[in-house]
């Protein structure tokens, strides 16, 4: 018998730079950004590993900053990312907007570069 998946939430978004037509979709496993055709253009997996939450980001390289920032911001609405919880995130190192959003939500941040990947470790800021 197949397991029932929670419904997907659609979060319509209009970036300030006029790059309209994309939307964010949330489910129990993460957040996906889709273009106007419905194709995925970015995604973050949200994985609970004991006390720590792992965030694994994928981005299409042609995305405007508001899309990458919105995806990172929406990830922190996930119930797993409660205050003071340890977080480890992996994202492409050239995604400065998403990195800035991660830093806005995390305290005690350390950042490491490994090849083309940026590894970010911290704790969700207190509420």
Protein backbone atom coordinates (compact mmCIF):
# COMPACT_ATOMS: atom_id res chain seq x y z
CA UNK A 1 0.00 0.00 0.00
CA UNK A 2 1.55 3.37 -0.98
CA UNK A 3 2.21 5.87 1.77
CA UNK A 4 0.29 9.10 1.59
CA UNK A 5 2.45 12.17 0.95
CA UNK A 6 1.59 15.48 2.62
CA UNK A 7 0.16 18.08 0.23
CA UNK A 8 2.53 20.43 -1.52
CA UNK A 9 2.25 24.11 -0.63
CA UNK A 10 2.61 26.61 -3.47
CA UNK A 11 4.13 29.94 -2.48
CA UNK A 12 3.71 32.45 -5.33
CA UNK A 13 6.65 34.80 -5.47
CA UNK A 14 7.43 37.92 -7.48
CA UNK A 15 11.11 38.90 -7.37
CA UNK A 16 11.89 42.61 -7.13
CA UNK A 17 14.00 42.52 -10.29
CA UNK A 18 11.04 41.66 -12.52
CA UNK A 19 11.98 37.99 -13.04
CA UNK A 20 8.37 36.94 -12.53
CA UNK A 21 6.84 33.59 -13.23
CA UNK A 22 8.62 31.36 -10.73
CA UNK A 23 7.13 29.79 -7.65
CA UNK A 24 8.23 27.86 -4.58
CA UNK A 25 6.74 24.50 -3.62
CA UNK A 26 7.21 22.98 -0.18
CA UNK A 27 6.79 19.40 0.92
CA UNK A 28 8.00 17.33 3.87
CA UNK A 29 11.40 16.78 2.21
CA UNK A 30 12.27 20.31 1.14
CA UNK A 31 11.53 23.28 -1.09
CA UNK A 32 11.65 23.47 -4.89
CA UNK A 33 11.69 26.61 -7.07
CA UNK A 34 9.94 26.17 -10.44
CA UNK A 35 9.85 28.37 -13.50
CA UNK A 36 6.67 29.40 -15.35
CA UNK A 37 6.65 26.06 -17.25
CA UNK A 38 6.79 24.13 -13.98
CA UNK A 39 10.36 22.94 -14.47
CA UNK A 40 12.51 22.78 -11.32
CA UNK A 41 15.23 25.45 -11.28
CA UNK A 42 16.44 25.08 -7.68
CA UNK A 43 15.89 22.78 -4.72
CA UNK A 44 16.90 22.34 -1.10
CA UNK A 45 16.66 18.95 0.60
CA UNK A 46 15.93 19.23 4.33
CA UNK A 47 17.28 16.13 6.08
CA UNK A 48 17.05 15.48 9.80
CA UNK A 49 20.17 13.66 11.02
CA UNK A 50 19.63 13.13 14.74
CA UNK A 51 19.90 16.55 16.39
CA UNK A 52 21.37 18.16 13.26
CA UNK A 53 19.48 19.28 10.16
CA UNK A 54 21.29 19.02 6.83
CA UNK A 55 20.37 21.41 4.01
CA UNK A 56 21.56 20.36 0.55
CA UNK A 57 21.03 23.01 -2.15
CA UNK A 58 20.93 22.70 -5.94
CA UNK A 59 20.59 25.76 -8.21
CA UNK A 60 20.31 26.31 -11.95
CA UNK A 61 23.17 28.74 -12.60
CA UNK A 62 21.02 31.29 -14.45
CA UNK A 63 18.77 32.25 -11.55
CA UNK A 64 18.31 35.81 -10.30
CA UNK A 65 19.28 36.49 -6.69
CA UNK A 66 15.69 36.84 -5.43
CA UNK A 67 14.97 33.23 -6.42
CA UNK A 68 17.97 31.81 -4.56
CA UNK A 69 17.32 34.04 -1.54
CA UNK A 70 13.63 33.09 -1.50
CA UNK A 71 14.45 29.38 -1.62
CA UNK A 72 16.88 29.66 1.31
CA UNK A 73 14.43 31.82 3.29
CA UNK A 74 11.55 29.40 2.71
CA UNK A 75 13.67 26.45 3.89
CA UNK A 76 13.75 28.02 7.36
CA UNK A 77 9.94 27.84 7.56
CA UNK A 78 10.28 24.03 7.75
CA UNK A 79 9.34 22.66 11.20
CA UNK A 80 12.69 20.85 11.53
CA UNK A 81 14.52 24.19 11.65
CA UNK A 82 13.47 25.22 15.14
CA UNK A 83 15.53 27.63 17.28
CA UNK A 84 18.99 26.54 18.46
CA UNK A 85 19.02 23.39 16.31
CA UNK A 86 22.41 22.62 14.69
CA UNK A 87 22.48 22.97 10.90
CA UNK A 88 24.97 21.88 8.25
CA UNK A 89 24.36 23.25 4.75
CA UNK A 90 26.00 22.54 1.39
CA UNK A 91 25.55 24.89 -1.57
CA UNK A 92 27.48 25.99 -4.65
CA UNK A 93 30.08 28.54 -3.55
CA UNK A 94 28.99 31.11 -6.16
CA UNK A 95 25.53 31.48 -4.56
CA UNK A 96 26.28 34.57 -2.46
CA UNK A 97 22.60 35.55 -2.09
CA UNK A 98 21.63 32.16 -0.63
CA UNK A 99 24.72 32.21 1.60
CA UNK A 100 23.70 35.61 2.93
CA UNK A 101 20.22 34.30 3.71
CA UNK A 102 21.67 31.29 5.53
CA UNK A 103 23.84 33.58 7.65
CA UNK A 104 20.79 35.70 8.51
CA UNK A 105 19.07 32.63 10.00
CA UNK A 106 22.07 31.00 11.68
CA UNK A 107 24.22 31.93 14.68
CA UNK A 108 27.82 30.85 15.27
CA UNK A 109 28.35 30.36 11.55
CA UNK A 110 31.50 28.80 10.14
CA UNK A 111 32.01 28.54 6.39
CA UNK A 112 34.37 26.22 4.52
CA UNK A 113 35.00 25.89 0.80
CA UNK A 114 35.62 22.44 -0.64
CA UNK A 115 36.11 22.59 -4.40
CA UNK A 116 33.01 24.28 -5.82
CA UNK A 117 30.92 23.62 -2.70
CA UNK A 118 30.45 25.92 0.26
CA UNK A 119 29.84 24.16 3.59
CA UNK A 120 28.06 26.20 6.25
CA UNK A 121 27.67 25.11 9.87
CA UNK A 122 25.74 26.94 12.61
CA UNK A 123 22.66 26.91 14.81
CA UNK A 124 19.22 28.27 14.00
CA UNK A 125 18.90 31.64 15.72
CA UNK A 126 16.73 31.72 18.84
CA UNK A 127 13.11 32.82 18.62
